Amino acid sequence: MLFFVTAVAAFSFGFFLLQYPLRAFEFQRRFYVLINWRIEPISFSKEIRNTKVMGGALMAFVIGCVVYVCLLYTSPSPRDRT
């Protein structure tokens, strides 16, 4: 059950990154200000594109993990074959 809760949280985060890359970038910038790091992207358009790609990749990874776990859970074990 914990796996699926984590998967839903990760999928939601990936969806947020994909749909709202500017908000994600602003959140990251504010966090870096708190810890005294300076962030200056070389190309803002590339930064937004990379944030969207990261969100999509995270969503694809989560879907792949859920499918894999579901297949492992539903496949018969060698002990069941008689």
N, C-alpha and C. Protein backbone atom coordinates (compact mmCIF):
# COMPACT_ATOMS: atom_id res chain seq x y z
N MET A 1 0.83 -1.19 0.00
CA MET A 1 0.00 0.00 0.00
C MET A 1 0.88 1.26 0.00
N LEU A 2 1.97 1.22 0.75
CA LEU A 2 2.87 2.36 0.81
C LEU A 2 3.47 2.66 -0.56
N PHE A 3 3.73 1.60 -1.32
CA PHE A 3 4.28 1.78 -2.67
C PHE A 3 3.32 2.60 -3.53
N PHE A 4 2.04 2.27 -3.48
CA PHE A 4 1.08 2.96 -4.33
C PHE A 4 0.85 4.40 -3.88
N VAL A 5 0.92 4.65 -2.58
CA VAL A 5 0.80 6.03 -2.09
C VAL A 5 2.00 6.85 -2.58
N THR A 6 3.18 6.27 -2.49
CA THR A 6 4.38 6.94 -2.99
C THR A 6 4.30 7.16 -4.50
N ALA A 7 3.79 6.16 -5.20
CA ALA A 7 3.66 6.28 -6.66
C ALA A 7 2.69 7.40 -7.03
N VAL A 8 1.59 7.52 -6.32
CA VAL A 8 0.63 8.58 -6.60
C VAL A 8 1.26 9.94 -6.32
N ALA A 9 2.01 10.05 -5.24
CA ALA A 9 2.68 11.32 -4.91
C ALA A 9 3.71 11.68 -5.98
N ALA A 10 4.50 10.71 -6.40
CA ALA A 10 5.52 10.97 -7.43
C ALA A 10 4.87 11.32 -8.76
N PHE A 11 3.80 10.63 -9.11
CA PHE A 11 3.09 10.92 -10.36
C PHE A 11 2.50 12.33 -10.31
N SER A 12 1.95 12.71 -9.18
CA SER A 12 1.39 14.05 -9.03
C SER A 12 2.48 15.12 -9.15
N PHE A 13 3.64 14.85 -8.57
CA PHE A 13 4.75 15.79 -8.67
C PHE A 13 5.22 15.91 -10.12
N GLY A 14 5.30 14.79 -10.83
CA GLY A 14 5.67 14.82 -12.24
C GLY A 14 4.66 15.60 -13.07
N PHE A 15 3.37 15.41 -12.76
CA PHE A 15 2.32 16.15 -13.47
C PHE A 15 2.46 17.65 -13.20
N PHE A 16 2.75 18.01 -11.96
CA PHE A 16 2.96 19.42 -11.61
C PHE A 16 4.12 20.01 -12.41
N LEU A 17 5.24 19.28 -12.49
CA LEU A 17 6.38 19.76 -13.24
C LEU A 17 6.06 19.92 -14.71
N LEU A 18 5.28 19.00 -15.24
CA LEU A 18 4.93 19.03 -16.66
C LEU A 18 3.97 20.18 -16.97
N GLN A 19 3.01 20.41 -16.11
CA GLN A 19 1.99 21.42 -16.36
C GLN A 19 2.39 22.83 -15.94
N TYR A 20 3.17 22.95 -14.87
CA TYR A 20 3.52 24.26 -14.31
C TYR A 20 5.03 24.41 -14.14
N PRO A 21 5.78 24.41 -15.22
CA PRO A 21 7.25 24.50 -15.07
C PRO A 21 7.71 25.84 -14.49
N LEU A 22 6.99 26.91 -14.76
CA LEU A 22 7.39 28.21 -14.20
C LEU A 22 7.25 28.24 -12.69
N ARG A 23 6.18 27.66 -12.18
CA ARG A 23 6.00 27.60 -10.72
C ARG A 23 7.08 26.73 -10.09
N ALA A 24 7.40 25.62 -10.74
CA ALA A 24 8.44 24.74 -10.20
C ALA A 24 9.79 25.46 -10.19
N PHE A 25 10.08 26.19 -11.25
CA PHE A 25 11.34 26.92 -11.30
C PHE A 25 11.38 28.01 -10.23
N GLU A 26 10.27 28.70 -10.03
CA GLU A 26 10.22 29.75 -9.01
C GLU A 26 10.38 29.15 -7.60
N PHE A 27 9.76 28.00 -7.36
CA PHE A 27 9.93 27.32 -6.08
C PHE A 27 11.39 26.95 -5.85
N GLN A 28 12.03 26.44 -6.89
CA GLN A 28 13.44 26.07 -6.79
C GLN A 28 14.30 27.31 -6.53
N ARG A 29 14.02 28.41 -7.21
CA ARG A 29 14.78 29.63 -7.01
C ARG A 29 14.65 30.14 -5.58
N ARG A 30 13.43 30.12 -5.04
CA ARG A 30 13.21 30.57 -3.66
C ARG A 30 13.94 29.68 -2.65
N PHE A 31 13.95 28.39 -2.91
CA PHE A 31 14.66 27.47 -2.03
C PHE A 31 16.15 27.76 -2.04
N TYR A 32 16.71 28.00 -3.23
CA TYR A 32 18.14 28.29 -3.32
C TYR A 32 18.49 29.60 -2.63
N VAL A 33 17.59 30.58 -2.65
CA VAL A 33 17.84 31.84 -1.94
C VAL A 33 17.91 31.57 -0.43
N LEU A 34 17.07 30.69 0.07
CA LEU A 34 17.08 30.36 1.50
C LEU A 34 18.40 29.75 1.94
N ILE A 35 19.02 28.96 1.07
CA ILE A 35 20.26 28.31 1.46
C ILE A 35 21.49 29.01 0.89
N ASN A 36 21.30 30.25 0.43
CA ASN A 36 22.39 31.10 -0.07
C ASN A 36 23.07 30.57 -1.32
N TRP A 37 22.33 29.98 -2.21
CA TRP A 37 22.86 29.60 -3.52
C TRP A 37 22.29 30.55 -4.54
N ARG A 38 23.04 30.82 -5.53
CA ARG A 38 22.58 31.70 -6.59
C ARG A 38 22.28 30.86 -7.83
N ILE A 39 21.13 31.10 -8.43
CA ILE A 39 20.74 30.33 -9.61
C ILE A 39 20.53 31.31 -10.76
N GLU A 40 21.24 31.06 -11.83
CA GLU A 40 21.11 31.87 -13.03
C GLU A 40 21.13 30.94 -14.24
N PRO A 41 19.96 30.61 -14.77
CA PRO A 41 19.95 29.73 -15.93
C PRO A 41 20.57 30.41 -17.15
N ILE A 42 21.29 29.66 -17.93
CA ILE A 42 21.90 30.20 -19.14
C ILE A 42 20.82 30.52 -20.17
N SER A 43 19.88 29.61 -20.30
CA SER A 43 18.78 29.81 -21.24
C SER A 43 17.48 29.47 -20.51
N PHE A 44 16.64 30.46 -20.30
CA PHE A 44 15.40 30.23 -19.57
C PHE A 44 14.47 29.29 -20.33
N SER A 45 14.44 29.39 -21.65
CA SER A 45 13.57 28.50 -22.44
C SER A 45 14.03 27.04 -22.32
N LYS A 46 15.34 26.82 -22.28
CA LYS A 46 15.85 25.46 -22.11
C LYS A 46 15.56 24.95 -20.70
N GLU A 47 15.62 25.84 -19.71
CA GLU A 47 15.31 25.45 -18.33
C GLU A 47 13.86 24.98 -18.22
N ILE A 48 12.95 25.70 -18.85
CA ILE A 48 11.53 25.33 -18.85
C ILE A 48 11.34 24.02 -19.59
N ARG A 49 11.98 23.87 -20.75
CA ARG A 49 11.87 22.62 -21.51
C ARG A 49 12.39 21.43 -20.69
N ASN A 50 13.52 21.61 -20.03
CA ASN A 50 14.10 20.52 -19.24
C ASN A 50 13.22 20.16 -18.06
N THR A 51 12.55 21.17 -17.46
CA THR A 51 11.64 20.90 -16.35
C THR A 51 10.45 20.09 -16.83
N LYS A 52 9.93 20.41 -18.01
CA LYS A 52 8.81 19.64 -18.57
C LYS A 52 9.24 18.21 -18.89
N VAL A 53 10.43 18.06 -19.46
CA VAL A 53 10.94 16.72 -19.78
C VAL A 53 11.13 15.91 -18.50
N MET A 54 11.65 16.54 -17.46
CA MET A 54 11.85 15.85 -16.18
C MET A 54 10.50 15.39 -15.60
N GLY A 55 9.48 16.23 -15.69
CA GLY A 55 8.16 15.85 -15.21
C GLY A 55 7.59 14.68 -15.99
N GLY A 56 7.71 14.73 -17.32
CA GLY A 56 7.22 13.63 -18.15
C GLY A 56 7.98 12.34 -17.89
N ALA A 57 9.29 12.44 -17.72
CA ALA A 57 10.10 11.25 -17.44
C ALA A 57 9.73 10.65 -16.09
N LEU A 58 9.48 11.50 -15.11
CA LEU A 58 9.08 11.00 -13.78
C LEU A 58 7.74 10.28 -13.86
N MET A 59 6.80 10.84 -14.61
CA MET A 59 5.50 10.19 -14.77
C MET A 59 5.64 8.84 -15.48
N ALA A 60 6.45 8.79 -16.53
CA ALA A 60 6.66 7.53 -17.26
C ALA A 60 7.33 6.49 -16.37
N PHE A 61 8.30 6.91 -15.58
CA PHE A 61 8.98 5.99 -14.68
C PHE A 61 8.03 5.41 -13.64
N VAL A 62 7.18 6.26 -13.08
CA VAL A 62 6.21 5.80 -12.07
C VAL A 62 5.23 4.81 -12.69
N ILE A 63 4.73 5.12 -13.89
CA ILE A 63 3.80 4.20 -14.56
C ILE A 63 4.49 2.87 -14.81
N GLY A 64 5.75 2.91 -15.27
CA GLY A 64 6.49 1.67 -15.49
C GLY A 64 6.68 0.86 -14.22
N CYS A 65 6.99 1.52 -13.12
CA CYS A 65 7.16 0.81 -11.85
C CYS A 65 5.85 0.19 -11.37
N VAL A 66 4.76 0.92 -11.50
CA VAL A 66 3.47 0.38 -11.07
C VAL A 66 3.08 -0.82 -11.92
N VAL A 67 3.27 -0.73 -13.22
CA VAL A 67 2.96 -1.87 -14.09
C VAL A 67 3.82 -3.07 -13.73
N TYR A 68 5.10 -2.85 -13.50
CA TYR A 68 6.01 -3.94 -13.15
C TYR A 68 5.59 -4.61 -11.84
N VAL A 69 5.28 -3.81 -10.83
CA VAL A 69 4.88 -4.36 -9.55
C VAL A 69 3.56 -5.12 -9.68
N CYS A 70 2.63 -4.57 -10.44
CA CYS A 70 1.35 -5.26 -10.64
C CYS A 70 1.54 -6.58 -11.37
N LEU A 71 2.42 -6.60 -12.36
CA LEU A 71 2.68 -7.86 -13.07
C LEU A 71 3.34 -8.88 -12.15
N LEU A 72 4.27 -8.44 -11.30
CA LEU A 72 4.90 -9.36 -10.36
C LEU A 72 3.88 -9.91 -9.36
N TYR A 73 2.98 -9.05 -8.94
CA TYR A 73 1.98 -9.45 -7.94
C TYR A 73 0.97 -10.42 -8.52
N THR A 74 0.61 -10.27 -9.78
CA THR A 74 -0.43 -11.12 -10.37
C THR A 74 0.11 -12.35 -11.08
N SER A 75 1.41 -12.44 -11.30
CA SER A 75 1.94 -13.61 -12.00
C SER A 75 1.99 -14.81 -11.05
N PRO A 76 1.71 -15.98 -11.59
CA PRO A 76 1.73 -17.18 -10.72
C PRO A 76 3.17 -17.55 -10.34
N SER A 77 3.30 -18.04 -9.16
CA SER A 77 4.61 -18.48 -8.71
C SER A 77 4.84 -19.92 -9.17
N PRO A 78 6.12 -20.36 -9.22
CA PRO A 78 6.40 -21.74 -9.64
C PRO A 78 5.75 -22.78 -8.73
N ARG A 79 5.50 -22.44 -7.47
CA ARG A 79 4.86 -23.38 -6.55
C ARG A 79 3.41 -23.64 -6.91
N ASP A 80 2.77 -22.67 -7.61
CA ASP A 80 1.37 -22.82 -7.96
C ASP A 80 1.16 -23.77 -9.13
N ARG A 81 2.19 -24.06 -9.87
CA ARG A 81 2.08 -24.94 -11.05
C ARG A 81 2.19 -26.39 -10.59
N THR A 82 1.16 -27.14 -10.84
CA THR A 82 1.22 -28.56 -10.46
C THR A 82 0.78 -29.45 -11.58
